[in-house]
Amino acid sequence: MDSIKIAQEAELLPVHEVASRIGLGEDEVTSWGDFKGKVRLEAVHRRSGRPRGRLVLVTTINPTKWGEGKTTVTIGLSQAMWKIGHSSVLGVREPSLGPTMGIEGGAAGGGYSQVLPMEDINLHFTGDLYAVSSAHNLLAALLNNHMYHGNRKNIDSKSILWHRVMDMADRALRRIVVGLGGLEGIQGGVTHEDKFDITAASEVMAVLCLSRSIPELKEKLSRILVARDFDGNPVWASDIGGVGAMALLLKDALRPNIVQTTENTPAFVHGGPFANIAHGTSSILSTLLGLSTAEYFITEAGFGSDLGAEKFFNIVCRAFGIHPSATVLVVTVRSVKRHGRGSLKDGFENVRKHIENLQGFNVPVVVAVNRFMDDPEEDVRALAEMCQNMVRTVVVDPYMKGGEGTIPLAEAVVDAAEDRTPRYTYPLDAGLREKIELVAGRIYGADKVVYSVRAEKQIEYLEGIGLGNLPICMAKTQYSLSEDPKLLGRPEGFKLHIREVAASSGAGFIVPFTGTITTMPGLPRTPSAMGMDIDEHGRISGLF
């Protein structure tokens, strides 16, 4: 099935008509073309006292490199809710050009469950990622400029913590040297080692997604830890200046984007942090807006319960006083067979662990077996029966059948949803090591955590400057419960290695890095970009 053709043939409604389905007036939405819009912040704030709808979180098991259709299921579920008589709003993250041009080829769903206009969303959209890149790199430029013009804060160039970003996967930029100079007589600044991260890993992206207003945005930006001085004292963004200018660059990016699905369901596509190197959920503003405008707000967390979902509960829910009324765990025959090296029975142990993880947060769980076109029927039936023995399970086909193919899931979610007292993995007043070890043991199943000397010193430093009470945001591979992407199923008796620990103090969490996870991905041997094209009539190909 050609997702691009379906997207091009879909009958889109004007953005204001889509917004009116959830009570947003024309004065509350600014058009970004015919089918895209930005919601005014006032529209969110004036609804802050309204009763909230129910929050539904969609996650998955440890996926294959092709993904398991989690976004497609999320979109299909939001469409199905309308079909069974419940208003719903969809909330998903904005795609990054890195994976779009790399391994994925797009991240707007597929088939008859897409967010549209797909080609805009997958490419430049409303410019939010460029705004994040600009604000991030402005702070980097101001920091280097401060050092060049006298270095009044006595910053140690070897202890700079704030680097640069771009919205593309480029492994050649993981380690670079800047400030080498140029033409004769023209200085290049203070020479030091630097690097680029991908924009989705920027702390500015996390700050944007976790801010509810311009004043809160500025307050969080000012708390960013950018460097240390020669005495080891922290240097914050507020010490460098330019926080107001950064907020100015982000003023429109803070506003939620509204688009629609293939069935004209309102959709907020806003914010794009990765879940393996950041917190992996769309903006809190779009979440709060969705909860105040519909009966159900359907959102996703990146990758599995061990990454995006864990962070959604322990970071986002705790910070803003929200809690899902139900979670959906997406599984596929392909992913389960991968974990069982061809055996559904053996691979099911990975599913079992993810169900247990979600139940540990005290939330109802529904399993959605996402049917692919080439799945043998006997495998789909067998997998559904195994899952049914633990929790309510349905088979869905959002790709081929859209909302109609996801009605069983919508009915199951409505039936399962209930408000419960949230349960978290760790207390905030625990030390950083204890938090890391609780996540490693309870969520991943690790027996022991091993810290590098560097990580131990970093933990001691961060706790010493008062950041030990922050939640943690583990950086880990998505392909395994462990740090080793080749360790499949439900591994036991393994060690989790923490090689370094970084502060995202503005966003409000600490990032321990495991294994070889990197904040600048590389392109695969044959990037998706190699198959993309546009003809003289504007017809796009290769952008799935």
Protein backbone atom coordinates (compact mmCIF):
# COMPACT_ATOMS: atom_id res chain seq x y z
CA MET A 1 0.00 0.00 0.00
CA ASP A 2 1.32 3.47 -0.94
CA SER A 3 1.11 5.70 2.13
CA ILE A 4 2.11 8.73 0.06
CA LYS A 5 -0.74 8.13 -2.38
CA ILE A 6 -3.23 7.74 0.47
CA ALA A 7 -1.97 10.97 2.01
CA GLN A 8 -2.23 12.84 -1.28
CA GLU A 9 -5.77 11.58 -1.94
CA ALA A 10 -7.09 12.29 1.56
CA GLU A 11 -9.78 14.97 1.78
CA LEU A 12 -8.32 17.44 4.24
CA LEU A 13 -10.41 19.96 6.13
CA PRO A 14 -9.26 23.56 6.65
CA VAL A 15 -7.31 23.76 9.91
CA HIS A 16 -9.90 26.00 11.59
CA GLU A 17 -12.63 23.46 10.86
CA VAL A 18 -10.48 20.72 12.42
CA ALA A 19 -9.85 22.91 15.47
CA SER A 20 -13.58 23.63 15.85
CA ARG A 21 -14.22 19.90 16.40
CA ILE A 22 -12.66 20.29 19.86
CA GLY A 23 -13.97 23.77 20.59
CA LEU A 24 -11.01 25.89 19.49
CA GLY A 25 -12.16 29.17 17.96
CA GLU A 26 -10.70 30.88 14.91
CA ASP A 27 -9.15 33.52 17.15
CA GLU A 28 -7.31 30.78 19.08
CA VAL A 29 -5.53 29.18 16.11
CA THR A 30 -3.13 30.86 13.70
CA SER A 31 -3.03 29.25 10.24
CA TRP A 32 0.36 28.02 8.97
CA GLY A 33 -0.98 27.43 5.47
CA ASP A 34 -4.32 25.75 4.77
CA PHE A 35 -3.92 22.57 6.82
CA LYS A 36 -1.50 23.45 9.63
CA GLY A 37 -1.97 25.73 12.58
CA LYS A 38 -0.42 27.04 15.78
CA VAL A 39 -2.61 27.24 18.89
CA ARG A 40 -2.28 30.44 20.88
CA LEU A 41 -0.96 29.99 24.42
CA GLU A 42 -3.99 31.89 25.74
CA ALA A 43 -6.22 29.07 24.47
CA VAL A 44 -4.36 26.62 26.71
CA HIS A 45 -4.35 28.84 29.77
CA ARG A 46 -8.04 29.81 29.62
CA ARG A 47 -8.94 26.10 29.72
CA SER A 48 -6.68 25.29 32.66
CA GLY A 49 -9.57 25.04 35.13
CA ARG A 50 -11.71 22.71 33.06
CA PRO A 51 -12.33 19.06 33.99
CA ARG A 52 -9.74 16.87 32.33
CA GLY A 53 -10.40 14.06 29.92
CA ARG A 54 -8.68 10.72 30.24
CA LEU A 55 -5.06 10.26 29.25
CA VAL A 56 -4.11 7.15 27.27
CA LEU A 57 -0.43 6.29 26.74
CA VAL A 58 0.72 4.06 23.87
CA THR A 59 4.07 2.29 24.08
CA THR A 60 5.64 -0.90 22.74
CA ILE A 61 8.06 -3.71 23.50
CA ASN A 62 11.71 -3.49 22.42
CA PRO A 63 11.27 -2.94 18.69
CA THR A 64 12.98 -4.07 15.53
CA LYS A 65 14.88 -1.45 13.57
CA TRP A 66 11.82 -1.00 11.31
CA GLY A 67 9.49 -0.16 14.19
CA GLU A 68 6.27 -1.89 15.20
CA GLY A 69 3.74 0.68 14.02
CA LYS A 70 3.30 2.33 17.41
CA THR A 71 2.55 5.74 15.90
CA THR A 72 0.17 4.14 13.40
CA VAL A 73 -1.68 2.37 16.24
CA THR A 74 -1.81 5.62 18.25
CA ILE A 75 -3.35 7.45 15.30
CA GLY A 76 -5.75 4.59 14.56
CA LEU A 77 -6.90 4.56 18.19
CA SER A 78 -7.64 8.28 18.18
CA GLN A 79 -9.70 7.83 15.00
CA ALA A 80 -11.54 4.82 16.42
CA MET A 81 -12.60 6.76 19.52
CA TRP A 82 -14.70 9.08 17.37
CA LYS A 83 -16.26 6.07 15.64
CA ILE A 84 -17.53 4.66 18.94
CA GLY A 85 -18.90 8.00 20.10
CA HIS A 86 -16.07 9.52 22.15
CA SER A 87 -14.23 12.72 21.30
CA SER A 88 -10.47 12.36 21.21
CA VAL A 89 -7.34 14.32 20.42
CA LEU A 90 -4.10 12.81 19.23
CA GLY A 91 -0.72 13.94 20.56
CA VAL A 92 2.52 12.77 18.93
CA ARG A 93 6.05 14.07 18.52
CA GLU A 94 7.44 15.94 15.54
CA PRO A 95 9.71 13.83 13.31
CA SER A 96 13.41 14.65 13.16
CA LEU A 97 15.16 14.89 9.80
CA GLY A 98 17.90 12.60 11.14
CA PRO A 99 15.86 9.37 11.23
CA THR A 100 13.57 10.57 8.43
CA MET A 101 16.53 10.75 6.06
CA GLY A 102 18.19 7.78 7.74
CA ILE A 103 16.52 4.57 8.81
CA GLU A 104 12.81 5.42 9.04
CA GLY A 105 11.96 7.48 5.98
CA GLY A 106 9.24 9.32 7.93
CA ALA A 107 7.40 9.18 11.22
CA ALA A 108 3.83 10.34 10.62
CA GLY A 109 2.12 6.95 10.79
CA GLY A 110 1.17 5.02 7.67
CA GLY A 111 -1.58 3.73 5.43
CA TYR A 112 -5.01 4.89 6.58
CA SER A 113 -3.69 6.06 9.96
CA GLN A 114 -1.48 9.06 9.27
CA VAL A 115 -1.14 12.64 10.44
CA LEU A 116 -1.41 15.04 7.52
CA PRO A 117 -0.03 16.86 5.59
CA MET A 118 2.49 14.03 5.93
CA GLU A 119 5.17 15.50 3.66
CA ASP A 120 5.21 18.80 5.58
CA ILE A 121 5.24 17.13 9.01
CA ASN A 122 8.13 14.85 8.01
CA LEU A 123 10.20 17.66 6.54
CA HIS A 124 10.28 21.26 7.80
CA PHE A 125 6.73 21.47 9.26
CA THR A 126 6.31 24.75 11.18
CA GLY A 127 10.02 25.27 11.82
CA ASP A 128 10.04 24.21 15.47
CA LEU A 129 13.20 22.12 15.21
CA TYR A 130 15.02 24.98 13.50
CA ALA A 131 13.96 27.30 16.31
CA VAL A 132 15.32 24.83 18.88
CA SER A 133 18.59 24.52 16.92
CA SER A 134 18.92 28.30 16.67
CA ALA A 135 18.27 28.91 20.36
CA HIS A 136 20.66 26.14 21.37
CA ASN A 137 23.44 27.34 19.07
CA LEU A 138 22.95 30.95 20.15
CA LEU A 139 23.85 29.94 23.70
CA ALA A 140 26.89 28.06 22.41
CA ALA A 141 27.99 31.13 20.44
CA LEU A 142 27.47 33.43 23.42
CA LEU A 143 29.46 31.08 25.65
CA ASN A 144 32.41 31.00 23.24
CA ASN A 145 32.15 34.75 22.73
CA HIS A 146 32.26 35.30 26.49
CA MET A 147 35.52 33.36 26.68
CA TYR A 148 37.02 35.20 23.70
CA HIS A 149 36.25 38.64 25.18
CA GLY A 150 38.04 38.33 28.49
CA ASN A 151 36.41 35.25 30.07
CA ARG A 152 35.10 37.16 33.11
CA LYS A 153 33.58 33.98 34.56
CA ASN A 154 36.97 32.24 34.43
CA ILE A 155 35.51 29.36 32.38
CA ASP A 156 37.71 26.33 31.85
CA SER A 157 37.60 25.49 28.14
CA LYS A 158 38.18 21.82 29.01
CA SER A 159 35.02 21.81 31.14
CA ILE A 160 32.54 23.21 28.64
CA LEU A 161 29.32 21.19 28.85
CA TRP A 162 27.23 23.03 26.24
CA HIS A 163 27.88 21.96 22.67
CA ARG A 164 26.16 22.49 19.33
CA VAL A 165 23.24 20.79 17.54
CA MET A 166 21.82 20.19 14.09
CA ASP A 167 18.73 18.32 12.90
CA MET A 168 20.55 15.65 10.92
CA ALA A 169 22.38 12.43 11.68
CA ASP A 170 26.07 13.01 10.96
CA ARG A 171 28.54 10.82 12.85
CA ALA A 172 31.51 12.88 11.59
CA LEU A 173 30.47 15.67 13.97
CA ARG A 174 30.54 13.59 17.15
CA ARG A 175 33.95 15.02 18.05
CA ILE A 176 35.42 18.19 16.52
CA VAL A 177 37.84 21.02 17.37
CA VAL A 178 36.68 24.64 17.11
CA GLY A 179 38.40 28.00 17.31
CA LEU A 180 41.34 27.12 15.04
CA GLY A 181 41.26 30.44 13.23
CA GLY A 182 40.99 31.25 9.55
CA LEU A 183 42.68 33.74 7.32
CA GLU A 184 45.92 35.35 8.44
CA GLY A 185 45.20 37.84 11.18
CA ILE A 186 41.66 36.57 11.79
CA GLN A 187 41.27 34.69 15.05
CA GLY A 188 38.86 31.78 15.39
CA GLY A 189 38.18 32.19 19.09
CA VAL A 190 39.27 29.98 21.96
CA THR A 191 40.47 26.64 20.63
CA HIS A 192 38.84 23.66 22.33
CA GLU A 193 37.28 20.30 21.65
CA ASP A 194 33.57 20.38 20.84
CA LYS A 195 30.88 18.23 19.27
CA PHE A 196 27.44 18.28 17.68
CA ASP A 197 24.37 16.51 19.05
CA ILE A 198 21.21 15.94 17.05
CA THR A 199 18.56 18.58 17.77
CA ALA A 200 16.17 16.05 19.33
CA ALA A 201 18.81 15.47 22.03
CA SER A 202 19.13 19.17 22.84
CA GLU A 203 18.22 20.21 26.35
CA VAL A 204 16.44 23.14 24.73
CA MET A 205 14.08 20.63 23.09
CA ALA A 206 13.36 19.09 26.50
CA VAL A 207 12.88 22.52 28.06
CA LEU A 208 10.46 23.49 25.28
CA CYS A 209 8.42 20.33 25.79
CA LEU A 210 8.29 20.76 29.58
CA SER A 211 7.34 24.45 29.67
CA ARG A 212 3.81 25.85 29.96
CA SER A 213 4.50 29.55 29.42
CA ILE A 214 7.12 32.04 28.28
CA PRO A 215 8.12 32.90 31.89
CA GLU A 216 8.51 29.21 32.74
CA LEU A 217 10.48 28.68 29.52
CA LYS A 218 12.89 31.48 30.44
CA GLU A 219 13.25 30.24 34.01
CA LYS A 220 14.18 26.75 32.80
CA LEU A 221 16.57 28.08 30.15
CA SER A 222 18.38 30.15 32.77
CA ARG A 223 19.06 27.00 34.85
CA ILE A 224 20.97 25.20 32.08
CA LEU A 225 24.44 24.13 33.27
CA VAL A 226 26.85 25.19 30.52
CA ALA A 227 30.36 24.83 31.97
CA ARG A 228 32.60 24.89 35.05
CA ASP A 229 35.12 27.50 35.98
CA PHE A 230 38.76 26.76 36.88
CA ASP A 231 37.75 26.28 40.52
CA GLY A 232 35.09 23.73 39.59
CA ASN A 233 32.14 26.03 40.26
CA PRO A 234 29.09 25.66 37.99
CA VAL A 235 28.42 28.21 35.25
CA TRP A 236 24.76 28.57 34.29
CA ALA A 237 23.12 29.99 31.20
CA SER A 238 21.97 32.94 33.31
CA ASP A 239 25.65 33.76 33.94
CA ILE A 240 26.30 34.01 30.21
CA GLY A 241 23.19 35.99 29.21
CA GLY A 242 20.97 35.72 26.15
CA VAL A 243 18.14 33.78 27.82
CA GLY A 244 15.66 36.41 26.64
CA ALA A 245 16.92 36.10 23.07
CA MET A 246 16.66 32.30 23.26
CA ALA A 247 13.05 32.61 24.42
CA LEU A 248 12.40 35.05 21.60
CA LEU A 249 13.62 32.48 19.08
CA LEU A 250 11.33 29.89 20.70
CA LYS A 251 8.19 32.01 21.10
CA ASP A 252 6.30 30.38 18.20
CA ALA A 253 7.83 26.94 18.72
CA LEU A 254 6.28 26.88 22.20
CA ARG A 255 2.80 27.04 20.68
CA PRO A 256 1.26 23.59 19.95
CA ASN A 257 0.90 22.60 16.30
CA ILE A 258 -2.53 21.39 15.21
CA VAL A 259 -3.07 19.21 12.13
CA GLN A 260 -5.38 16.27 11.35
CA THR A 261 -5.37 12.56 10.64
CA THR A 262 -6.50 10.79 7.50
CA GLU A 263 -9.99 10.74 9.06
CA ASN A 264 -9.88 14.42 10.11
CA THR A 265 -9.28 13.71 13.80
CA PRO A 266 -7.61 16.73 15.47
CA ALA A 267 -3.94 16.07 16.17
CA PHE A 268 -1.30 17.98 18.11
CA VAL A 269 2.14 17.24 16.66
CA HIS A 270 4.48 19.15 18.92
CA GLY A 271 8.00 18.66 20.26
CA GLY A 272 10.41 15.95 19.26
CA PRO A 273 12.74 14.58 21.97
CA PHE A 274 14.07 11.06 21.30
CA ALA A 275 13.30 8.49 23.98
CA ASN A 276 16.67 6.71 23.96
CA ILE A 277 18.64 9.91 24.59
CA ALA A 278 15.96 12.25 25.98
CA HIS A 279 12.53 11.94 27.59
CA GLY A 280 10.65 10.93 24.43
CA THR A 281 7.21 12.53 24.73
CA SER A 282 5.42 15.42 23.06
CA SER A 283 4.91 18.76 24.78
CA ILE A 284 3.14 19.22 28.09
CA LEU A 285 1.25 22.15 26.58
CA SER A 286 -0.31 19.94 23.90
CA THR A 287 -1.06 17.30 26.54
CA LEU A 288 -2.84 19.74 28.85
CA LEU A 289 -4.71 21.25 25.91
CA GLY A 290 -5.79 17.84 24.69
CA LEU A 291 -6.99 16.82 28.14
CA SER A 292 -9.11 19.98 28.38
CA THR A 293 -10.73 19.71 24.94
CA ALA A 294 -11.71 16.04 24.53
CA GLU A 295 -12.84 12.97 26.46
CA TYR A 296 -9.64 11.12 25.59
CA PHE A 297 -6.16 12.38 24.84
CA ILE A 298 -4.22 9.66 23.03
CA THR A 299 -0.44 10.06 23.12
CA GLU A 300 2.66 7.94 22.63
CA ALA A 301 5.98 7.64 24.38
CA GLY A 302 9.02 6.75 22.33
CA PHE A 303 10.04 3.08 22.08
CA GLY A 304 9.21 0.68 24.93
CA SER A 305 8.15 0.69 28.57
CA ASP A 306 11.86 0.69 29.49
CA LEU A 307 12.44 4.06 27.80
CA GLY A 308 9.69 6.50 26.82
CA ALA A 309 7.01 5.09 29.11
CA GLU A 310 9.29 4.93 32.16
CA LYS A 311 10.33 8.53 31.58
CA PHE A 312 6.76 9.65 30.96
CA PHE A 313 5.71 8.31 34.34
CA ASN A 314 8.77 9.21 36.42
CA ILE A 315 9.51 12.61 34.86
CA VAL A 316 6.45 14.09 33.10
CA CYS A 317 3.58 12.68 35.15
CA ARG A 318 5.29 13.42 38.44
CA ALA A 319 6.18 16.99 37.44
CA PHE A 320 2.71 17.97 36.21
CA GLY A 321 0.33 15.90 38.28
CA ILE A 322 -1.08 13.79 35.44
CA HIS A 323 -1.42 10.01 35.17
CA PRO A 324 -2.66 7.79 32.34
CA SER A 325 -6.03 6.10 32.85
CA ALA A 326 -4.84 3.29 30.58
CA THR A 327 -1.76 2.20 28.63
CA VAL A 328 -1.60 0.37 25.33
CA LEU A 329 1.31 -1.98 24.65
CA VAL A 330 1.86 -2.53 20.92
CA VAL A 331 3.30 -5.93 19.96
CA THR A 332 3.89 -7.55 16.59
CA VAL A 333 4.64 -11.05 15.41
CA ARG A 334 7.84 -9.74 13.86
CA SER A 335 9.18 -8.16 17.05
CA VAL A 336 8.25 -11.10 19.29
CA LYS A 337 9.88 -13.58 16.90
CA ARG A 338 13.01 -11.44 16.89
CA HIS A 339 13.24 -11.66 20.67
CA GLY A 340 12.65 -15.41 20.52
CA ARG A 341 15.05 -15.89 17.59
CA GLY A 342 12.16 -17.27 15.56
CA SER A 343 10.06 -18.61 18.46
CA LEU A 344 6.91 -16.76 19.59
CA LYS A 345 6.93 -18.64 22.88
CA ASP A 346 10.50 -17.64 23.74
CA GLY A 347 10.04 -14.08 22.49
CA PHE A 348 6.95 -13.61 24.62
CA GLU A 349 9.17 -13.20 27.67
CA ASN A 350 10.03 -9.73 26.38
CA VAL A 351 6.31 -8.92 26.16
CA ARG A 352 5.77 -10.27 29.67
CA LYS A 353 8.42 -7.95 31.11
CA HIS A 354 6.94 -4.88 29.44
CA ILE A 355 3.47 -5.72 30.75
CA GLU A 356 4.91 -6.10 34.25
CA ASN A 357 6.73 -2.78 33.90
CA LEU A 358 3.52 -0.95 33.01
CA GLN A 359 1.52 -2.66 35.75
CA GLY A 360 4.22 -1.51 38.15
CA PHE A 361 3.10 2.09 37.54
CA ASN A 362 -0.41 1.11 38.73
CA VAL A 363 -2.15 1.64 35.41
CA PRO A 364 -4.48 -0.66 33.41
CA VAL A 365 -2.79 -2.31 30.42
CA VAL A 366 -4.29 -3.34 27.08
CA VAL A 367 -2.17 -5.20 24.51
CA ALA A 368 -2.67 -4.35 20.84
CA VAL A 369 -1.35 -7.00 18.45
CA ASN A 370 -0.62 -4.90 15.37
CA ARG A 371 -1.25 -7.08 12.32
CA PHE A 372 1.09 -6.70 9.37
CA MET A 373 0.00 -7.72 5.89
CA ASP A 374 2.40 -10.67 5.66
CA ASP A 375 1.76 -12.03 9.18
CA PRO A 376 0.64 -15.70 9.18
CA GLU A 377 -2.81 -15.89 10.74
CA GLU A 378 -1.83 -18.72 13.05
CA ASP A 379 1.02 -16.59 14.46
CA VAL A 380 -1.28 -13.61 15.08
CA ARG A 381 -3.80 -15.84 16.84
CA ALA A 382 -1.13 -17.59 18.94
CA LEU A 383 0.46 -14.30 20.03
CA ALA A 384 -2.92 -12.82 20.96
CA GLU A 385 -3.74 -15.89 23.07
CA MET A 386 -0.44 -15.64 24.98
CA CYS A 387 -1.01 -11.97 25.72
CA GLN A 388 -4.65 -12.58 26.67
CA ASN A 389 -3.47 -14.84 29.48
CA MET A 390 -1.96 -11.78 31.17
CA VAL A 391 -4.10 -8.77 30.19
CA ARG A 392 -6.92 -7.83 27.85
CA THR A 393 -5.70 -8.19 24.27
CA VAL A 394 -7.07 -7.21 20.86
CA VAL A 395 -5.82 -7.54 17.28
CA VAL A 396 -5.76 -4.30 15.28
CA ASP A 397 -5.12 -3.24 11.71
CA PRO A 398 -4.86 0.56 11.67
CA TYR A 399 -2.62 0.61 8.61
CA MET A 400 -5.04 -1.08 6.22
CA LYS A 401 -8.33 -0.14 7.89
CA GLY A 402 -7.71 3.10 9.77
CA GLY A 403 -10.05 3.82 12.67
CA GLU A 404 -12.38 0.98 11.66
CA GLY A 405 -9.52 -1.48 12.11
CA THR A 406 -8.78 -0.11 15.58
CA ILE A 407 -12.31 -0.09 17.04
CA PRO A 408 -11.66 -3.21 19.17
CA LEU A 409 -8.78 -1.37 20.85
CA ALA A 410 -10.86 1.76 21.46
CA GLU A 411 -13.59 -0.32 23.10
CA ALA A 412 -11.04 -2.16 25.23
CA VAL A 413 -9.40 1.08 26.36
CA VAL A 414 -12.71 2.70 27.30
CA ASP A 415 -13.65 -0.42 29.25
CA ALA A 416 -10.26 -0.66 31.00
CA ALA A 417 -9.65 3.02 31.77
CA GLU A 418 -9.89 4.08 35.39
CA ASP A 419 -8.28 6.64 37.64
CA ARG A 420 -5.70 5.21 40.01
CA THR A 421 -3.08 6.54 42.38
CA PRO A 422 0.23 6.84 40.51
CA ARG A 423 3.18 4.69 41.50
CA TYR A 424 6.74 5.67 40.59
CA THR A 425 9.95 3.67 40.27
CA TYR A 426 11.95 5.71 42.77
CA PRO A 427 11.55 8.53 45.30
CA LEU A 428 12.94 11.89 44.25
CA ASP A 429 14.85 12.30 47.50
CA ALA A 430 16.91 9.16 46.80
CA GLY A 431 20.53 9.61 45.69
CA LEU A 432 21.37 9.49 41.99
CA ARG A 433 22.97 6.04 42.32
CA GLU A 434 19.88 4.66 44.04
CA LYS A 435 17.60 6.05 41.31
CA ILE A 436 19.79 4.57 38.58
CA GLU A 437 19.90 1.20 40.31
CA LEU A 438 16.14 1.10 40.90
CA VAL A 439 15.44 1.74 37.22
CA ALA A 440 18.13 -0.76 36.17
CA GLY A 441 16.75 -3.45 38.46
CA ARG A 442 13.00 -2.89 38.37
CA ILE A 443 12.57 -1.79 34.74
CA TYR A 444 15.46 -3.46 32.88
CA GLY A 445 16.01 -6.51 35.09
CA ALA A 446 19.73 -5.85 35.63
CA ASP A 447 21.50 -7.54 38.56
CA LYS A 448 24.15 -4.87 39.05
CA VAL A 449 25.13 -1.38 37.95
CA VAL A 450 28.80 -0.66 37.22
CA TYR A 451 30.01 2.95 37.12
CA SER A 452 33.05 4.28 35.32
CA VAL A 453 35.41 6.45 37.36
CA ARG A 454 34.25 9.40 35.30
CA ALA A 455 30.57 8.68 36.06
CA GLU A 456 31.28 8.37 39.79
CA LYS A 457 33.02 11.76 39.82
CA GLN A 458 30.18 13.33 37.82
CA ILE A 459 27.55 11.98 40.23
CA GLU A 460 29.52 13.35 43.17
CA TYR A 461 29.77 16.74 41.48
CA LEU A 462 26.10 16.96 40.49
CA GLU A 463 24.94 16.01 43.96
CA GLY A 464 27.41 18.51 45.40
CA ILE A 465 25.87 21.42 43.46
CA GLY A 466 22.35 20.51 44.52
CA LEU A 467 21.07 18.52 41.54
CA GLY A 468 20.82 15.14 43.26
CA ASN A 469 17.08 15.46 43.88
CA LEU A 470 16.20 15.52 40.17
CA PRO A 471 14.66 12.53 38.36
CA ILE A 472 16.84 10.58 35.96
CA CYS A 473 16.49 10.18 32.19
CA MET A 474 18.45 7.08 31.19
CA ALA A 475 20.16 7.06 27.78
CA LYS A 476 19.97 3.48 26.51
CA THR A 477 19.46 1.45 23.35
CA GLN A 478 15.84 0.84 22.40
CA TYR A 479 16.47 -2.63 20.98
CA SER A 480 17.03 -4.47 24.26
CA LEU A 481 16.06 -4.28 27.91
CA SER A 482 19.81 -4.18 28.54
CA GLU A 483 22.43 -1.79 27.16
CA ASP A 484 23.43 -4.38 24.52
CA PRO A 485 21.13 -4.24 21.45
CA LYS A 486 21.98 -7.87 20.68
CA LEU A 487 20.83 -9.15 24.08
CA LEU A 488 17.25 -10.07 23.21
CA GLY A 489 14.21 -11.41 25.03
CA ARG A 490 14.19 -10.96 28.80
CA PRO A 491 17.86 -11.07 29.79
CA GLU A 492 18.82 -11.88 33.37
CA GLY A 493 22.01 -11.68 35.38
CA PHE A 494 23.46 -8.84 33.32
CA LYS A 495 25.34 -5.72 34.41
CA LEU A 496 24.38 -2.22 33.36
CA HIS A 497 27.38 0.02 32.71
CA ILE A 498 27.13 3.77 33.31
CA ARG A 499 29.93 5.47 31.42
CA GLU A 500 29.01 9.11 32.13
CA VAL A 501 26.33 11.22 33.78
CA ALA A 502 25.21 14.61 32.45
CA ALA A 503 22.91 17.32 33.80
CA SER A 504 19.83 18.61 32.03
CA SER A 505 19.22 20.94 34.93
CA GLY A 506 17.08 23.35 32.93
CA ALA A 507 14.76 20.57 31.83
CA GLY A 508 14.86 19.17 35.34
CA PHE A 509 16.52 15.77 35.06
CA ILE A 510 19.88 14.00 35.08
CA VAL A 511 21.00 11.85 32.13
CA PRO A 512 23.07 8.69 32.84
CA PHE A 513 24.58 7.24 29.65
CA THR A 514 24.76 3.47 29.26
CA GLY A 515 26.80 1.37 26.87
CA THR A 516 27.67 3.06 23.59
CA ILE A 517 24.55 5.21 23.23
CA THR A 518 25.33 8.49 21.45
CA THR A 519 23.56 11.83 21.15
CA MET A 520 24.53 12.09 17.47
CA PRO A 521 23.21 9.09 15.50
CA GLY A 522 24.82 7.98 12.25
CA LEU A 523 23.18 7.19 8.93
CA PRO A 524 22.73 3.52 7.91
CA ARG A 525 24.60 1.98 4.99
CA THR A 526 21.71 2.82 2.67
CA PRO A 527 19.91 5.88 4.07
CA SER A 528 16.23 6.39 3.26
CA ALA A 529 17.23 9.70 1.66
CA MET A 530 18.78 7.72 -1.20
CA GLY A 531 15.30 6.63 -2.30
CA MET A 532 13.52 9.99 -1.96
CA ASP A 533 12.68 12.25 -4.86
CA ILE A 534 10.32 14.92 -6.17
CA ASP A 535 9.32 15.34 -9.83
CA GLU A 536 8.51 18.42 -11.87
CA HIS A 537 4.86 18.20 -10.81
CA GLY A 538 5.72 18.21 -7.12
CA ARG A 539 4.94 14.50 -6.64
CA ILE A 540 6.99 13.05 -3.78
CA SER A 541 8.31 9.52 -3.65
CA GLY A 542 10.21 7.53 -1.03
CA LEU A 543 8.93 9.45 2.02
CA PHE A 544 7.03 6.71 3.82
